[in-house]
Amino acid sequence: MKIQNPKPISQIREEERILAEKEVKIAQLDAETQTLKEQNAVMQETINFLLGL
């Protein structure tokens, strides 16, 4: 089986670099999401306490 229209190595490396950057950004956003969820839980507990629930 022959590969049709193979990509140049430079293009593949560029795509790998972009993918790595995106993976880093996803990890950062996941961490931020977790922090926000934790903050939300604390705020909800505080609200419930203040409302006497």
C-alpha atoms as a PDB file:
ATOM      1  CA  MET A   1       0.000   0.000   0.000  1.00  0.00           C
ATOM      2  CA  LYS A   2       1.455   3.329  -1.042  1.00  0.00           C
ATOM      3  CA  ILE A   3       0.777   6.548   0.843  1.00  0.00           C
ATOM      4  CA  GLN A   4      -0.824   9.104  -1.410  1.00  0.00           C
ATOM      5  CA  ASN A   5       0.311  12.705  -1.101  1.00  0.00           C
ATOM      6  CA  PRO A   6       2.592  12.229   1.922  1.00  0.00           C
ATOM      7  CA  LYS A   7       3.089  15.292   4.096  1.00  0.00           C
ATOM      8  CA  PRO A   8       6.534  16.827   4.343  1.00  0.00           C
ATOM      9  CA  ILE A   9       8.328  16.071   7.598  1.00  0.00           C
ATOM     10  CA  SER A  10       8.381  19.788   8.426  1.00  0.00           C
ATOM     11  CA  GLN A  11       4.587  19.915   8.213  1.00  0.00           C
ATOM     12  CA  ILE A  12       4.240  16.830  10.402  1.00  0.00           C
ATOM     13  CA  ARG A  13       6.577  18.356  13.006  1.00  0.00           C
ATOM     14  CA  GLU A  14       4.623  21.614  12.943  1.00  0.00           C
ATOM     15  CA  GLU A  15       1.373  19.708  13.460  1.00  0.00           C
ATOM     16  CA  GLU A  16       2.961  17.782  16.348  1.00  0.00           C
ATOM     17  CA  ARG A  17       4.103  21.068  17.934  1.00  0.00           C
ATOM     18  CA  ILE A  18       0.618  22.564  17.601  1.00  0.00           C
ATOM     19  CA  LEU A  19      -0.929  19.412  19.066  1.00  0.00           C
ATOM     20  CA  ALA A  20       1.466  19.539  22.032  1.00  0.00           C
ATOM     21  CA  GLU A  21       0.533  23.187  22.653  1.00  0.00           C
ATOM     22  CA  LYS A  22      -3.153  22.275  22.554  1.00  0.00           C
ATOM     23  CA  GLU A  23      -2.597  19.416  25.007  1.00  0.00           C
ATOM     24  CA  VAL A  24      -0.870  21.827  27.414  1.00  0.00           C
ATOM     25  CA  LYS A  25      -3.762  24.286  27.091  1.00  0.00           C
ATOM     26  CA  ILE A  26      -6.289  21.500  27.730  1.00  0.00           C
ATOM     27  CA  ALA A  27      -4.394  20.491  30.881  1.00  0.00           C
ATOM     28  CA  GLN A  28      -4.398  24.121  32.064  1.00  0.00           C
ATOM     29  CA  LEU A  29      -8.125  24.461  31.414  1.00  0.00           C
ATOM     30  CA  ASP A  30      -8.819  21.170  33.199  1.00  0.00           C
ATOM     31  CA  ALA A  31      -6.914  22.457  36.240  1.00  0.00           C
ATOM     32  CA  GLU A  32      -8.802  25.767  36.142  1.00  0.00           C
ATOM     33  CA  THR A  33     -12.102  23.905  35.851  1.00  0.00           C
ATOM     34  CA  GLN A  34     -11.272  21.790  38.890  1.00  0.00           C
ATOM     35  CA  THR A  35     -10.359  24.907  40.892  1.00  0.00           C
ATOM     36  CA  LEU A  36     -13.618  26.597  39.911  1.00  0.00           C
ATOM     37  CA  LYS A  37     -15.622  23.507  40.862  1.00  0.00           C
ATOM     38  CA  GLU A  38     -13.952  23.483  44.278  1.00  0.00           C
ATOM     39  CA  GLN A  39     -14.628  27.196  44.762  1.00  0.00           C
ATOM     40  CA  ASN A  40     -18.231  26.674  43.696  1.00  0.00           C
ATOM     41  CA  ALA A  41     -18.674  23.909  46.257  1.00  0.00           C
ATOM     42  CA  VAL A  42     -17.315  26.144  49.030  1.00  0.00           C
ATOM     43  CA  MET A  43     -19.599  29.000  47.997  1.00  0.00           C
ATOM     44  CA  GLN A  44     -22.596  26.655  47.887  1.00  0.00           C
ATOM     45  CA  GLU A  45     -21.816  25.376  51.379  1.00  0.00           C
ATOM     46  CA  THR A  46     -21.528  28.969  52.631  1.00  0.00           C
ATOM     47  CA  ILE A  47     -24.832  29.943  51.024  1.00  0.00           C
ATOM     48  CA  ASN A  48     -26.550  26.896  52.485  1.00  0.00           C
ATOM     49  CA  PHE A  49     -25.145  27.741  55.925  1.00  0.00           C
ATOM     50  CA  LEU A  50     -26.272  31.366  55.676  1.00  0.00           C
ATOM     51  CA  LEU A  51     -29.737  30.303  54.557  1.00  0.00           C
ATOM     52  CA  GLY A  52     -29.897  27.760  57.360  1.00  0.00           C
ATOM     53  CA  LEU A  53     -30.286  24.791  55.033  1.00  0.00           C
END
